[in-house]
N, C-alpha and C. Protein backbone atom coordinates (compact mmCIF):
# COMPACT_ATOMS: atom_id res chain seq x y z
N UNK A 1 78.58 63.01 -122.33
CA UNK A 1 79.35 61.83 -122.52
C UNK A 1 79.43 61.49 -123.98
N UNK A 2 80.51 60.99 -124.43
CA UNK A 2 80.66 60.63 -125.83
C UNK A 2 79.84 59.33 -126.08
N UNK A 3 79.17 59.31 -127.21
CA UNK A 3 78.39 58.10 -127.55
C UNK A 3 79.33 56.93 -127.87
N UNK A 4 78.86 55.75 -127.60
CA UNK A 4 79.71 54.52 -127.82
C UNK A 4 80.37 54.47 -129.17
N UNK A 5 79.60 54.84 -130.20
CA UNK A 5 80.21 54.80 -131.54
C UNK A 5 81.18 55.87 -131.81
N UNK A 6 81.22 56.90 -130.97
CA UNK A 6 82.23 57.97 -131.20
C UNK A 6 83.47 57.74 -130.32
N UNK A 7 83.51 56.77 -129.48
CA UNK A 7 84.72 56.54 -128.66
C UNK A 7 85.85 56.01 -129.51
N UNK A 8 87.05 56.48 -129.24
CA UNK A 8 88.18 55.97 -130.00
C UNK A 8 88.49 54.55 -129.54
N UNK A 9 88.86 53.71 -130.54
CA UNK A 9 89.23 52.33 -130.19
C UNK A 9 90.75 52.20 -130.48
N UNK A 10 91.40 51.76 -129.39
CA UNK A 10 92.83 51.43 -129.48
C UNK A 10 93.00 50.03 -129.88
N UNK A 11 93.87 49.66 -130.79
CA UNK A 11 94.20 48.34 -131.14
C UNK A 11 95.59 48.00 -130.61
N UNK A 12 95.73 46.87 -129.93
CA UNK A 12 96.96 46.37 -129.40
C UNK A 12 97.22 44.95 -130.02
N UNK A 13 98.38 44.68 -130.52
CA UNK A 13 98.70 43.38 -131.07
C UNK A 13 99.27 42.58 -129.94
N UNK A 14 98.71 41.35 -129.64
CA UNK A 14 99.09 40.62 -128.52
C UNK A 14 100.25 39.66 -128.79
N UNK A 15 101.23 39.66 -127.92
CA UNK A 15 102.32 38.63 -127.91
C UNK A 15 102.76 38.55 -126.45
N UNK A 16 103.79 37.77 -126.23
CA UNK A 16 104.28 37.60 -124.86
C UNK A 16 105.51 38.38 -124.53
N UNK A 17 105.77 39.41 -125.25
CA UNK A 17 106.98 40.17 -125.04
C UNK A 17 106.84 41.19 -123.91
N UNK A 18 108.01 41.60 -123.45
CA UNK A 18 108.01 42.58 -122.40
C UNK A 18 107.39 43.87 -122.84
N UNK A 19 107.68 44.27 -124.11
CA UNK A 19 107.13 45.52 -124.60
C UNK A 19 105.66 45.47 -124.79
N UNK A 20 105.05 44.33 -124.88
CA UNK A 20 103.59 44.23 -124.96
C UNK A 20 102.98 44.67 -123.66
N UNK A 21 103.63 44.32 -122.56
CA UNK A 21 103.14 44.75 -121.25
C UNK A 21 103.14 46.31 -121.19
N UNK A 22 104.15 46.92 -121.70
CA UNK A 22 104.14 48.41 -121.74
C UNK A 22 103.06 48.99 -122.58
N UNK A 23 102.84 48.41 -123.72
CA UNK A 23 101.75 48.86 -124.66
C UNK A 23 100.40 48.71 -124.05
N UNK A 24 100.16 47.57 -123.30
CA UNK A 24 98.85 47.44 -122.65
C UNK A 24 98.69 48.43 -121.49
N UNK A 25 99.67 48.66 -120.70
CA UNK A 25 99.54 49.63 -119.59
C UNK A 25 99.27 51.02 -120.14
N UNK A 26 100.02 51.43 -121.15
CA UNK A 26 99.82 52.71 -121.83
C UNK A 26 98.36 52.81 -122.35
N UNK A 27 97.95 51.74 -123.04
CA UNK A 27 96.56 51.82 -123.67
C UNK A 27 95.51 51.86 -122.56
N UNK A 28 95.71 51.05 -121.49
CA UNK A 28 94.64 51.09 -120.41
C UNK A 28 94.62 52.53 -119.80
N UNK A 29 95.73 53.15 -119.57
CA UNK A 29 95.71 54.49 -119.06
C UNK A 29 95.05 55.50 -120.01
N UNK A 30 95.31 55.40 -121.29
CA UNK A 30 94.66 56.25 -122.28
C UNK A 30 93.15 55.96 -122.31
N UNK A 31 92.74 54.70 -122.22
CA UNK A 31 91.30 54.37 -122.21
C UNK A 31 90.62 55.03 -121.07
N UNK A 32 91.20 54.95 -119.91
CA UNK A 32 90.54 55.60 -118.70
C UNK A 32 90.52 57.11 -118.91
N UNK A 33 91.47 57.74 -119.45
CA UNK A 33 91.48 59.17 -119.72
C UNK A 33 90.46 59.60 -120.72
N UNK A 34 90.32 58.79 -121.81
CA UNK A 34 89.50 59.26 -122.93
C UNK A 34 88.14 58.59 -123.00
N UNK A 35 87.90 57.59 -122.14
CA UNK A 35 86.67 56.86 -122.27
C UNK A 35 86.64 55.91 -123.43
N UNK A 36 87.85 55.66 -124.06
CA UNK A 36 87.99 54.84 -125.22
C UNK A 36 87.81 53.32 -124.93
N UNK A 37 87.85 52.59 -125.99
CA UNK A 37 87.79 51.14 -125.97
C UNK A 37 88.98 50.48 -126.48
N UNK A 38 89.18 49.24 -126.26
CA UNK A 38 90.32 48.49 -126.77
C UNK A 38 89.97 47.29 -127.54
N UNK A 39 90.75 46.97 -128.56
CA UNK A 39 90.64 45.78 -129.28
C UNK A 39 92.05 45.15 -129.24
N UNK A 40 92.08 43.80 -129.20
CA UNK A 40 93.28 43.07 -129.16
C UNK A 40 93.35 42.10 -130.35
N UNK A 41 94.45 42.04 -130.99
CA UNK A 41 94.66 41.12 -132.13
C UNK A 41 95.76 40.10 -131.82
N UNK A 42 95.46 38.90 -132.00
CA UNK A 42 96.43 37.83 -131.84
C UNK A 42 96.53 37.07 -133.17
N UNK A 43 97.71 37.06 -133.76
CA UNK A 43 97.88 36.43 -135.06
C UNK A 43 98.81 35.23 -134.83
N UNK A 44 98.39 34.06 -135.32
CA UNK A 44 99.21 32.86 -135.19
C UNK A 44 99.45 32.30 -136.57
N UNK A 45 100.46 31.58 -136.72
CA UNK A 45 100.74 30.86 -137.91
C UNK A 45 101.34 29.54 -137.55
N UNK A 46 101.27 28.61 -138.42
CA UNK A 46 101.79 27.24 -138.18
C UNK A 46 102.83 26.98 -139.26
N UNK A 47 103.71 26.09 -138.94
CA UNK A 47 104.78 25.64 -139.79
C UNK A 47 104.24 25.03 -141.01
N UNK A 48 104.50 25.58 -142.21
CA UNK A 48 103.92 25.10 -143.48
C UNK A 48 104.48 23.73 -143.81
N UNK A 49 105.62 23.27 -143.24
CA UNK A 49 106.14 22.04 -143.49
C UNK A 49 105.23 20.89 -142.97
N UNK A 50 104.48 21.19 -141.96
CA UNK A 50 103.59 20.19 -141.36
C UNK A 50 102.28 20.14 -141.99
N UNK A 51 101.91 21.19 -142.78
CA UNK A 51 100.60 21.23 -143.39
C UNK A 51 100.39 20.21 -144.48
N UNK A 52 101.48 19.61 -144.95
CA UNK A 52 101.36 18.53 -145.94
C UNK A 52 100.74 17.26 -145.28
N UNK A 53 100.85 17.14 -144.02
CA UNK A 53 100.23 16.05 -143.31
C UNK A 53 98.94 16.60 -142.68
N UNK A 54 97.85 16.36 -143.31
CA UNK A 54 96.63 17.01 -142.96
C UNK A 54 96.28 16.82 -141.48
N UNK A 55 96.36 15.68 -140.95
CA UNK A 55 95.99 15.42 -139.57
C UNK A 55 96.95 16.24 -138.60
N UNK A 56 98.16 16.19 -138.87
CA UNK A 56 99.13 16.91 -138.04
C UNK A 56 98.92 18.42 -138.20
N UNK A 57 98.75 18.88 -139.36
CA UNK A 57 98.47 20.31 -139.59
C UNK A 57 97.26 20.78 -138.87
N UNK A 58 96.21 19.96 -138.96
CA UNK A 58 94.95 20.38 -138.34
C UNK A 58 95.11 20.41 -136.80
N UNK A 59 95.83 19.45 -136.20
CA UNK A 59 96.09 19.44 -134.79
C UNK A 59 96.85 20.67 -134.34
N UNK A 60 97.95 20.96 -135.13
CA UNK A 60 98.78 22.15 -134.89
C UNK A 60 98.00 23.44 -134.93
N UNK A 61 97.11 23.56 -135.95
CA UNK A 61 96.30 24.75 -136.08
C UNK A 61 95.32 24.88 -134.94
N UNK A 62 94.67 23.79 -134.54
CA UNK A 62 93.75 23.86 -133.36
C UNK A 62 94.46 24.21 -132.14
N UNK A 63 95.66 23.75 -131.91
CA UNK A 63 96.44 24.06 -130.71
C UNK A 63 96.89 25.54 -130.76
N UNK A 64 97.32 26.03 -131.93
CA UNK A 64 97.69 27.43 -132.00
C UNK A 64 96.56 28.39 -131.77
N UNK A 65 95.37 28.03 -132.29
CA UNK A 65 94.22 28.81 -132.10
C UNK A 65 93.78 28.81 -130.62
N UNK A 66 93.87 27.65 -130.02
CA UNK A 66 93.53 27.60 -128.55
C UNK A 66 94.48 28.42 -127.74
N UNK A 67 95.71 28.36 -128.08
CA UNK A 67 96.77 29.16 -127.35
C UNK A 67 96.44 30.67 -127.49
N UNK A 68 96.07 31.08 -128.71
CA UNK A 68 95.74 32.47 -128.98
C UNK A 68 94.51 32.84 -128.17
N UNK A 69 93.49 32.11 -128.16
CA UNK A 69 92.29 32.41 -127.42
C UNK A 69 92.53 32.46 -125.87
N UNK A 70 93.34 31.55 -125.43
CA UNK A 70 93.68 31.61 -123.94
C UNK A 70 94.51 32.81 -123.61
N UNK A 71 95.38 33.19 -124.49
CA UNK A 71 96.22 34.39 -124.24
C UNK A 71 95.34 35.62 -124.21
N UNK A 72 94.41 35.71 -125.13
CA UNK A 72 93.51 36.88 -125.23
C UNK A 72 92.62 36.96 -123.94
N UNK A 73 92.13 35.78 -123.56
CA UNK A 73 91.26 35.78 -122.35
C UNK A 73 92.08 36.19 -121.09
N UNK A 74 93.26 35.74 -121.02
CA UNK A 74 94.15 36.09 -119.84
C UNK A 74 94.44 37.62 -119.87
N UNK A 75 94.76 38.15 -120.96
CA UNK A 75 95.00 39.57 -121.05
C UNK A 75 93.72 40.41 -120.85
N UNK A 76 92.65 39.89 -121.41
CA UNK A 76 91.36 40.65 -121.26
C UNK A 76 90.94 40.77 -119.78
N UNK A 77 91.23 39.76 -119.04
CA UNK A 77 90.92 39.84 -117.60
C UNK A 77 91.68 40.91 -116.89
N UNK A 78 92.98 41.05 -117.21
CA UNK A 78 93.80 42.11 -116.68
C UNK A 78 93.24 43.46 -117.09
N UNK A 79 92.97 43.57 -118.41
CA UNK A 79 92.43 44.88 -118.90
C UNK A 79 91.12 45.22 -118.23
N UNK A 80 90.25 44.27 -118.08
CA UNK A 80 88.94 44.51 -117.51
C UNK A 80 89.11 45.07 -116.05
N UNK A 81 90.07 44.40 -115.34
CA UNK A 81 90.32 44.84 -113.95
C UNK A 81 90.81 46.27 -113.96
N UNK A 82 91.69 46.67 -114.91
CA UNK A 82 92.31 47.91 -114.91
C UNK A 82 91.42 49.04 -115.43
N UNK A 83 90.48 48.71 -116.33
CA UNK A 83 89.66 49.71 -116.98
C UNK A 83 88.12 49.60 -116.79
N UNK A 84 87.76 48.45 -116.22
CA UNK A 84 86.32 48.15 -116.06
C UNK A 84 85.61 48.00 -117.40
N UNK A 85 86.37 47.65 -118.43
CA UNK A 85 85.84 47.38 -119.77
C UNK A 85 86.39 46.14 -120.37
N UNK A 86 85.60 45.43 -121.09
CA UNK A 86 85.98 44.22 -121.77
C UNK A 86 86.49 44.56 -123.22
N UNK A 87 87.73 44.22 -123.51
CA UNK A 87 88.18 44.52 -124.88
C UNK A 87 87.60 43.60 -125.87
N UNK A 88 87.53 44.08 -127.14
CA UNK A 88 87.15 43.21 -128.21
C UNK A 88 88.38 42.42 -128.61
N UNK A 89 88.13 41.11 -129.02
CA UNK A 89 89.23 40.26 -129.28
C UNK A 89 89.11 39.65 -130.71
N UNK A 90 90.27 39.62 -131.31
CA UNK A 90 90.35 39.11 -132.72
C UNK A 90 91.50 38.10 -132.79
N UNK A 91 91.23 36.92 -133.33
CA UNK A 91 92.22 35.89 -133.59
C UNK A 91 92.23 35.67 -135.08
N UNK A 92 93.52 35.78 -135.64
CA UNK A 92 93.69 35.61 -137.06
C UNK A 92 94.85 34.62 -137.30
N UNK A 93 94.75 33.91 -138.44
CA UNK A 93 95.85 33.03 -138.87
C UNK A 93 96.49 33.63 -140.03
N UNK A 94 97.81 33.70 -140.00
CA UNK A 94 98.60 34.20 -141.18
C UNK A 94 99.78 35.06 -140.72
N UNK A 95 100.12 36.02 -141.63
CA UNK A 95 101.23 36.90 -141.40
C UNK A 95 100.73 38.07 -140.50
N UNK A 96 101.46 38.38 -139.51
CA UNK A 96 101.01 39.44 -138.60
C UNK A 96 100.72 40.79 -139.27
N UNK A 97 101.63 41.23 -140.04
CA UNK A 97 101.45 42.59 -140.69
C UNK A 97 100.25 42.53 -141.62
N UNK A 98 100.17 41.53 -142.42
CA UNK A 98 99.02 41.46 -143.35
C UNK A 98 97.68 41.42 -142.61
N UNK A 99 97.60 40.61 -141.59
CA UNK A 99 96.34 40.47 -140.85
C UNK A 99 96.04 41.77 -140.07
N UNK A 100 97.06 42.44 -139.58
CA UNK A 100 96.84 43.74 -138.91
C UNK A 100 96.24 44.78 -139.87
N UNK A 101 96.79 44.87 -141.06
CA UNK A 101 96.31 45.84 -142.09
C UNK A 101 94.89 45.44 -142.48
N UNK A 102 94.60 44.14 -142.60
CA UNK A 102 93.26 43.74 -143.04
C UNK A 102 92.26 44.10 -141.92
N UNK A 103 92.58 43.87 -140.65
CA UNK A 103 91.70 44.16 -139.55
C UNK A 103 91.36 45.62 -139.52
N UNK A 104 92.34 46.51 -139.69
CA UNK A 104 92.06 47.92 -139.62
C UNK A 104 91.11 48.37 -140.76
N UNK A 105 91.22 47.75 -141.94
CA UNK A 105 90.33 48.04 -143.05
C UNK A 105 88.93 47.57 -142.73
N UNK A 106 88.87 46.33 -142.17
CA UNK A 106 87.55 45.69 -141.92
C UNK A 106 86.78 46.30 -140.74
N UNK A 107 87.52 47.04 -139.86
CA UNK A 107 86.96 47.59 -138.67
C UNK A 107 87.34 49.08 -138.55
N UNK A 108 86.59 49.94 -139.28
CA UNK A 108 86.96 51.37 -139.32
C UNK A 108 86.75 52.08 -137.97
N UNK A 109 86.20 51.39 -137.01
CA UNK A 109 86.10 51.95 -135.62
C UNK A 109 87.40 51.97 -134.95
N UNK A 110 88.37 51.15 -135.47
CA UNK A 110 89.72 51.14 -134.80
C UNK A 110 90.40 52.46 -135.25
N UNK A 111 90.80 53.26 -134.32
CA UNK A 111 91.31 54.57 -134.67
C UNK A 111 92.75 54.82 -134.32
N UNK A 112 93.36 53.96 -133.46
CA UNK A 112 94.74 54.17 -133.04
C UNK A 112 95.39 52.76 -132.81
N UNK A 113 96.56 52.58 -133.38
CA UNK A 113 97.35 51.33 -133.13
C UNK A 113 98.40 51.63 -132.11
N UNK A 114 98.43 50.82 -131.09
CA UNK A 114 99.49 50.97 -130.04
C UNK A 114 100.38 49.81 -130.05
N UNK A 115 101.67 50.01 -130.30
CA UNK A 115 102.67 48.90 -130.34
C UNK A 115 103.76 49.17 -129.33
N UNK A 116 104.25 48.15 -128.74
CA UNK A 116 105.43 48.26 -127.87
C UNK A 116 106.63 47.97 -128.69
N UNK A 117 107.76 48.80 -128.46
CA UNK A 117 108.93 48.70 -129.18
C UNK A 117 109.95 47.95 -128.28
N UNK A 118 110.59 46.89 -128.82
CA UNK A 118 111.59 46.10 -128.07
C UNK A 118 112.78 46.96 -127.77
N UNK A 119 113.33 46.84 -126.60
CA UNK A 119 114.57 47.53 -126.33
C UNK A 119 115.71 47.14 -127.22
N UNK A 120 116.58 47.96 -127.52
CA UNK A 120 117.69 47.63 -128.38
C UNK A 120 117.57 48.17 -129.75
N UNK A 121 118.38 47.66 -130.67
CA UNK A 121 118.43 48.29 -132.01
C UNK A 121 117.24 47.87 -132.92
N UNK A 122 116.66 46.73 -132.65
CA UNK A 122 115.54 46.26 -133.44
C UNK A 122 114.28 46.29 -132.65
N UNK A 123 113.33 47.26 -133.00
CA UNK A 123 112.13 47.45 -132.21
C UNK A 123 111.09 46.34 -132.34
N UNK A 124 111.27 45.49 -133.31
CA UNK A 124 110.29 44.43 -133.61
C UNK A 124 109.73 44.57 -135.00
N UNK A 125 109.30 43.47 -135.59
CA UNK A 125 108.86 43.47 -137.02
C UNK A 125 107.65 44.34 -137.30
N UNK A 126 106.69 44.41 -136.38
CA UNK A 126 105.49 45.22 -136.67
C UNK A 126 105.86 46.73 -136.51
N UNK A 127 106.62 47.04 -135.55
CA UNK A 127 107.08 48.44 -135.40
C UNK A 127 107.83 48.88 -136.60
N UNK A 128 108.79 48.03 -137.09
CA UNK A 128 109.55 48.29 -138.21
C UNK A 128 108.66 48.45 -139.45
N UNK A 129 107.65 47.65 -139.59
CA UNK A 129 106.75 47.67 -140.74
C UNK A 129 105.98 49.01 -140.78
N UNK A 130 105.34 49.34 -139.68
CA UNK A 130 104.46 50.53 -139.72
C UNK A 130 105.20 51.83 -139.57
N UNK A 131 106.47 51.83 -139.19
CA UNK A 131 107.26 53.02 -139.16
C UNK A 131 108.29 53.18 -140.27
N UNK A 132 108.43 52.07 -140.99
CA UNK A 132 109.45 52.03 -142.12
C UNK A 132 108.80 51.90 -143.48
N UNK A 133 108.99 50.83 -144.03
CA UNK A 133 108.54 50.58 -145.46
C UNK A 133 107.04 50.81 -145.61
N UNK A 134 106.23 50.53 -144.59
CA UNK A 134 104.81 50.65 -144.78
C UNK A 134 104.22 51.86 -144.00
N UNK A 135 105.14 52.81 -143.60
CA UNK A 135 104.69 53.98 -142.86
C UNK A 135 103.63 54.74 -143.66
N UNK A 136 102.51 55.07 -143.00
CA UNK A 136 101.50 55.84 -143.58
C UNK A 136 100.50 54.98 -144.34
N UNK A 137 100.75 53.74 -144.53
CA UNK A 137 99.87 52.88 -145.31
C UNK A 137 98.76 52.22 -144.41
N UNK A 138 98.91 52.29 -143.12
CA UNK A 138 97.95 51.60 -142.29
C UNK A 138 96.67 52.43 -142.15
N UNK A 139 96.79 53.72 -142.34
CA UNK A 139 95.58 54.56 -142.42
C UNK A 139 95.03 55.07 -141.07
N UNK A 140 95.81 54.79 -139.97
CA UNK A 140 95.45 55.31 -138.64
C UNK A 140 96.70 55.72 -137.94
N UNK A 141 96.58 56.53 -136.91
CA UNK A 141 97.82 56.91 -136.16
C UNK A 141 98.38 55.73 -135.42
N UNK A 142 99.70 55.75 -135.26
CA UNK A 142 100.37 54.69 -134.53
C UNK A 142 101.15 55.29 -133.37
N UNK A 143 100.91 54.71 -132.20
CA UNK A 143 101.66 55.11 -131.02
C UNK A 143 102.65 53.96 -130.73
N UNK A 144 103.91 54.33 -130.59
CA UNK A 144 104.93 53.34 -130.28
C UNK A 144 105.45 53.60 -128.83
N UNK A 145 105.21 52.61 -128.00
CA UNK A 145 105.58 52.74 -126.60
C UNK A 145 106.88 51.98 -126.35
N UNK A 146 107.94 52.71 -125.94
CA UNK A 146 109.23 52.06 -125.69
C UNK A 146 109.06 50.97 -124.55
N UNK A 147 109.52 49.75 -124.91
CA UNK A 147 109.35 48.68 -124.02
C UNK A 147 110.11 48.77 -122.73
N UNK A 148 111.16 49.55 -122.67
CA UNK A 148 111.93 49.66 -121.50
C UNK A 148 111.33 50.65 -120.43
N UNK A 149 110.24 51.26 -120.81
CA UNK A 149 109.57 52.17 -119.82
C UNK A 149 109.00 51.38 -118.67
N UNK A 150 109.15 51.87 -117.43
CA UNK A 150 108.63 51.21 -116.27
C UNK A 150 107.15 51.58 -116.20
N UNK A 151 106.43 50.85 -115.37
CA UNK A 151 105.05 51.20 -115.08
C UNK A 151 104.92 52.64 -114.57
N UNK A 152 105.79 53.04 -113.75
CA UNK A 152 105.80 54.41 -113.16
C UNK A 152 105.98 55.40 -114.31
N UNK A 153 106.93 55.12 -115.23
CA UNK A 153 107.20 56.05 -116.35
C UNK A 153 105.94 56.15 -117.20
N UNK A 154 105.30 55.10 -117.45
CA UNK A 154 104.08 55.09 -118.36
C UNK A 154 102.91 55.91 -117.54
N UNK A 155 102.79 55.65 -116.32
CA UNK A 155 101.76 56.32 -115.57
C UNK A 155 102.02 57.85 -115.53
N UNK A 156 103.26 58.25 -115.41
CA UNK A 156 103.64 59.65 -115.40
C UNK A 156 103.34 60.27 -116.78
N UNK A 157 103.72 59.56 -117.83
CA UNK A 157 103.46 60.11 -119.20
C UNK A 157 102.04 60.24 -119.57
N UNK A 158 101.17 59.39 -118.96
CA UNK A 158 99.75 59.32 -119.42
C UNK A 158 98.88 60.07 -118.37
N UNK A 159 99.47 60.68 -117.33
CA UNK A 159 98.71 61.32 -116.33
C UNK A 159 98.25 62.77 -116.66
N UNK A 160 98.83 63.31 -117.67
CA UNK A 160 98.55 64.75 -118.02
C UNK A 160 97.40 64.96 -118.88
């Protein structure tokens, strides 16, 4: 059996999109196949216009952080049921791309980024960032899962 420190860690960026569901299913299937682990990143930001009012900005930040933590817990429960493993969870404030790149540098155990691509012409800002202007700069392989894949499609693709 592979030692815990040698297991690949998949990173998934959490949001409420349909393509996120595809990325999670794909990652859970890959974890079961490889004995890997998962980390989830939720990045929130608050409207800078409200930050000038300290009390309002603080309340908005607390609410955004609480929302992030609740979303991670909700998704972690689904992942644990599917894989019998609890994912690592990271909450960050700021720009999604910047925080994603920082996390990968800070946690060298993260070895693969899995992103869901939105159906249509625009796959989403993170997919565009890591496959376009910033391609190759993240320092780990990136798997992009088409968001329009059904659960059956994903299961078929990851069964081999």
